[in-house]
Amino acid sequence: MLRILDHIEEWLIAFLIGAATLIIFLSVAHRYGASIDALYPYLAPINMAWAQELTIYMFVWMAKFGAAYGVRTGIHVGVDVLINKLATPLRNKFVLFGLASGASFTAIIGSLGAYFVWHNGMAYATLTALGLETGNYFEGPVTPDLEWSTWIIYLAIPLGSYLMSFRFLQVFVSFWKTGELPVHDHAHVEGLEDETQLSVGEALEVTEEREHMHGGRASSKGAQQ
């Protein structure tokens, strides 16, 4: 189950950054293409005013879920010079306290965000969809260009914050059991098996064989000449 959640998190982040990049490229190409007289009749009728607004929202969602991804993989920067100088038992207590504080803080942000989203139009939309009385709930504002309900955009706050809180708890439990924190390896490429990596000895043998082959070729060429 956690593996499925990990993949959904990664796919969502990759999709958002890829789609936002593509939309920005198309928007810039449309803007400069419309300035060309030959292309103006074809590009001018196309409305791309929504592109900037959409990419901003996509980057907001990407940032919220990317923050949760950063907790899981150990990407976030931490000032731990003083903590690492402490004795191991005391250091572990500080690390656990920091992880618990992170989980609590993000859970509070998620709860406040959920309250705001619910009262900013989500309650009205939900009750209306269910055919119930909306009471004192109002429809809520919409975005300027896309005219989407703003609660849909702000939904990134509770979803991303709750996921980040869960990741803090996940790292908390893992550190409690193993005493190790996640460390991001920039050189690691997911999908490459360890068996494909040559050891130092094997790498030296391959290098010597290549040098021997090149040396043999050079000798044979000299003899022919």
Protein backbone atom coordinates (compact mmCIF):
# COMPACT_ATOMS: atom_id res chain seq x y z
CA MET A 1 0.00 0.00 0.00
CA LEU A 2 2.80 2.41 0.89
CA ARG A 3 4.56 1.56 -2.36
CA ILE A 4 1.43 2.52 -4.31
CA LEU A 5 1.27 5.82 -2.42
CA ASP A 6 4.95 6.43 -3.19
CA HIS A 7 4.37 5.88 -6.90
CA ILE A 8 1.28 8.11 -6.97
CA GLU A 9 3.27 10.85 -5.24
CA GLU A 10 6.15 10.57 -7.71
CA TRP A 11 3.89 10.33 -10.77
CA LEU A 12 1.88 13.36 -9.68
CA ILE A 13 4.99 15.48 -9.16
CA ALA A 14 6.49 14.38 -12.49
CA PHE A 15 3.23 15.03 -14.33
CA LEU A 16 2.77 18.49 -12.83
CA ILE A 17 6.29 19.69 -13.60
CA GLY A 18 6.24 18.15 -17.09
CA ALA A 19 2.81 19.52 -17.99
CA ALA A 20 3.62 22.97 -16.57
CA THR A 21 6.84 23.11 -18.59
CA LEU A 22 4.99 22.13 -21.77
CA ILE A 23 2.25 24.72 -21.21
CA ILE A 24 4.82 27.47 -20.60
CA PHE A 25 6.65 26.50 -23.79
CA LEU A 26 3.45 26.56 -25.83
CA SER A 27 2.45 29.89 -24.33
CA VAL A 28 5.79 31.52 -25.16
CA ALA A 29 5.79 30.01 -28.65
CA HIS A 30 2.25 31.28 -29.20
CA ARG A 31 3.15 34.78 -28.01
CA TYR A 32 6.15 35.16 -30.29
CA GLY A 33 4.55 33.28 -33.16
CA ALA A 34 1.56 35.63 -33.12
CA SER A 35 3.93 38.55 -33.64
CA ILE A 36 4.89 37.15 -37.05
CA ASP A 37 2.66 38.50 -39.80
CA ALA A 38 2.41 35.16 -41.61
CA LEU A 39 1.31 33.30 -38.47
CA TYR A 40 -0.83 36.01 -36.91
CA PRO A 41 -4.12 35.00 -38.62
CA TYR A 42 -3.72 31.44 -37.31
CA LEU A 43 -2.42 32.08 -33.79
CA ALA A 44 -4.22 35.28 -32.84
CA PRO A 45 -7.65 33.61 -32.37
CA ILE A 46 -6.15 31.10 -29.92
CA ASN A 47 -6.60 32.27 -26.33
CA MET A 48 -3.62 31.39 -24.13
CA ALA A 49 -4.35 33.87 -21.34
CA TRP A 50 -5.13 31.02 -18.96
CA ALA A 51 -1.67 29.43 -19.31
CA GLN A 52 0.14 31.55 -16.72
CA GLU A 53 -2.56 31.08 -14.12
CA LEU A 54 -2.72 27.33 -14.65
CA THR A 55 1.05 26.85 -14.41
CA ILE A 56 1.13 28.83 -11.15
CA TYR A 57 -1.46 26.50 -9.65
CA MET A 58 0.38 23.45 -10.95
CA PHE A 59 3.64 24.61 -9.38
CA VAL A 60 1.82 25.22 -6.06
CA TRP A 61 0.50 21.66 -6.07
CA MET A 62 3.90 20.35 -7.10
CA ALA A 63 5.58 22.24 -4.26
CA LYS A 64 3.17 20.90 -1.62
CA PHE A 65 3.52 17.28 -2.68
CA GLY A 66 7.20 17.76 -3.42
CA ALA A 67 7.70 18.81 0.19
CA ALA A 68 6.20 15.50 1.35
CA TYR A 69 8.44 13.67 -1.12
CA GLY A 70 11.42 15.53 0.31
CA VAL A 71 10.65 14.31 3.84
CA ARG A 72 10.41 10.70 2.66
CA THR A 73 13.67 10.79 0.70
CA GLY A 74 15.72 13.04 2.97
CA ILE A 75 16.14 15.90 0.48
CA HIS A 76 15.26 18.72 2.90
CA VAL A 77 18.18 20.69 4.29
CA GLY A 78 18.62 20.49 8.05
CA VAL A 79 21.00 22.36 10.36
CA ASP A 80 22.19 19.45 12.48
CA VAL A 81 25.83 20.34 13.19
CA LEU A 82 25.24 20.76 16.92
CA ILE A 83 22.91 17.75 17.19
CA ASN A 84 25.43 15.45 15.51
CA LYS A 85 28.04 16.38 18.12
CA LEU A 86 25.83 15.07 20.93
CA ALA A 87 26.04 11.57 22.34
CA THR A 88 23.95 9.06 20.41
CA PRO A 89 21.10 8.62 22.96
CA LEU A 90 20.65 12.37 23.37
CA ARG A 91 20.98 12.96 19.63
CA ASN A 92 18.28 10.39 18.91
CA LYS A 93 15.91 12.14 21.31
CA PHE A 94 16.43 15.47 19.56
CA VAL A 95 15.88 13.86 16.14
CA LEU A 96 12.67 12.20 17.30
CA PHE A 97 11.49 15.46 18.83
CA GLY A 98 12.18 17.28 15.57
CA LEU A 99 10.29 14.68 13.52
CA ALA A 100 7.35 14.74 15.94
CA SER A 101 7.30 18.54 15.80
CA GLY A 102 7.28 18.45 12.01
CA ALA A 103 4.42 15.97 11.99
CA SER A 104 2.43 18.06 14.47
CA PHE A 105 3.03 21.35 12.66
CA THR A 106 2.06 20.02 9.23
CA ALA A 107 -1.01 18.31 10.72
CA ILE A 108 -2.12 21.63 12.19
CA ILE A 109 -1.55 23.40 8.85
CA GLY A 110 -3.50 20.64 7.11
CA SER A 111 -6.41 20.98 9.54
CA LEU A 112 -6.53 24.76 9.21
CA GLY A 113 -6.33 24.39 5.44
CA ALA A 114 -9.15 21.83 5.43
CA TYR A 115 -11.34 24.16 7.50
CA PHE A 116 -10.62 27.04 5.13
CA VAL A 117 -11.30 24.96 2.01
CA TRP A 118 -14.53 23.56 3.45
CA HIS A 119 -15.91 27.01 4.26
CA ASN A 120 -14.57 28.61 1.07
CA GLY A 121 -16.88 26.75 -1.29
CA MET A 122 -16.25 23.03 -0.87
CA ALA A 123 -19.14 22.64 1.56
CA TYR A 124 -21.51 24.40 -0.84
CA ALA A 125 -20.33 22.28 -3.80
CA THR A 126 -20.56 19.02 -1.82
CA LEU A 127 -24.01 19.70 -0.38
CA THR A 128 -25.29 20.87 -3.75
CA ALA A 129 -23.99 17.73 -5.45
CA LEU A 130 -25.73 15.59 -2.82
CA GLY A 131 -28.98 17.54 -3.22
CA LEU A 132 -28.92 18.82 0.37
CA GLU A 133 -29.57 22.26 1.82
CA THR A 134 -26.51 24.49 1.73
CA GLY A 135 -27.50 26.50 4.79
CA ASN A 136 -25.11 29.34 5.52
CA TYR A 137 -22.43 28.01 3.19
CA PHE A 138 -21.71 30.11 0.11
CA GLU A 139 -20.51 29.16 -3.34
CA GLY A 140 -17.12 30.77 -2.96
CA PRO A 141 -14.98 32.82 -5.36
CA VAL A 142 -13.56 31.67 -8.67
CA THR A 143 -10.17 32.18 -10.31
CA PRO A 144 -9.76 35.16 -12.70
CA ASP A 145 -8.92 33.42 -16.00
CA LEU A 146 -9.91 29.78 -15.66
CA GLU A 147 -12.96 30.61 -13.54
CA TRP A 148 -12.40 27.54 -11.38
CA SER A 149 -13.65 27.45 -7.81
CA THR A 150 -10.75 28.56 -5.64
CA TRP A 151 -11.37 25.79 -3.10
CA ILE A 152 -10.14 23.32 -5.71
CA ILE A 153 -6.81 25.16 -5.88
CA TYR A 154 -6.55 25.57 -2.10
CA LEU A 155 -7.20 21.85 -1.67
CA ALA A 156 -3.46 21.41 -2.19
CA ILE A 157 -2.89 22.81 1.32
CA PRO A 158 -4.71 20.14 3.38
CA LEU A 159 -3.80 17.27 1.04
CA GLY A 160 -0.12 18.18 0.80
CA SER A 161 0.20 19.04 4.50
CA TYR A 162 -1.49 15.85 5.69
CA LEU A 163 0.73 13.80 3.38
CA MET A 164 3.79 15.62 4.70
CA SER A 165 2.67 14.92 8.27
CA PHE A 166 2.28 11.25 7.40
CA ARG A 167 5.79 11.21 5.92
CA PHE A 168 7.19 12.74 9.13
CA LEU A 169 5.50 9.99 11.13
CA GLN A 170 6.79 7.39 8.69
CA VAL A 171 10.37 8.62 9.13
CA PHE A 172 9.77 8.86 12.90
CA VAL A 173 8.81 5.18 13.15
CA SER A 174 11.67 4.12 10.88
CA PHE A 175 14.23 6.08 12.92
CA TRP A 176 12.78 4.71 16.16
CA LYS A 177 13.34 1.15 14.90
CA THR A 178 16.61 1.47 12.99
CA GLY A 179 18.22 4.71 14.17
CA GLU A 180 18.74 5.80 10.56
CA LEU A 181 17.33 8.76 8.67
CA PRO A 182 16.59 8.73 4.93
CA VAL A 183 19.51 10.07 2.91
CA HIS A 184 19.06 11.13 -0.68
CA ASP A 185 21.66 9.69 -3.04
CA HIS A 186 22.03 12.01 -6.04
CA ALA A 187 24.07 9.41 -7.91
CA HIS A 188 21.43 6.70 -7.61
CA VAL A 189 19.32 5.97 -10.66
CA GLU A 190 16.13 4.07 -9.87
CA GLY A 191 15.71 0.94 -11.97
CA LEU A 192 19.41 0.08 -12.23
CA GLU A 193 20.20 -3.07 -10.32
CA ASP A 194 23.24 -3.34 -8.11
CA GLU A 195 24.42 -6.39 -10.05
CA THR A 196 25.15 -4.22 -13.09
CA GLN A 197 27.68 -2.14 -11.18
CA LEU A 198 31.27 -3.38 -11.51
CA SER A 199 33.46 -3.72 -8.47
CA VAL A 200 36.84 -1.97 -8.34
CA GLY A 201 38.67 -5.17 -9.21
CA GLU A 202 36.41 -5.94 -12.13
CA ALA A 203 36.75 -2.37 -13.41
CA LEU A 204 40.58 -2.67 -13.32
CA GLU A 205 40.44 -5.98 -15.20
CA VAL A 206 38.24 -4.46 -17.92
CA THR A 207 40.62 -1.48 -18.22
CA GLU A 208 43.67 -3.73 -18.52
CA GLU A 209 41.97 -5.85 -21.19
CA ARG A 210 41.09 -2.75 -23.21
CA GLU A 211 44.64 -1.40 -22.95
CA HIS A 212 46.01 -4.79 -23.97
CA MET A 213 43.70 -4.89 -26.99
CA HIS A 214 44.68 -1.36 -28.06
CA GLY A 215 48.36 -2.21 -27.57
CA GLY A 216 48.02 -5.32 -29.72
CA ARG A 217 46.34 -3.37 -32.48
CA ALA A 218 49.05 -0.73 -32.41
CA SER A 219 51.80 -3.44 -32.67
CA SER A 220 50.12 -5.13 -35.61
CA LYS A 221 49.79 -1.81 -37.46
CA GLY A 222 53.49 -1.10 -36.87
CA ALA A 223 54.47 -4.52 -38.23
CA GLN A 224 52.38 -3.99 -41.37
CA GLN A 225 54.07 -0.68 -42.04
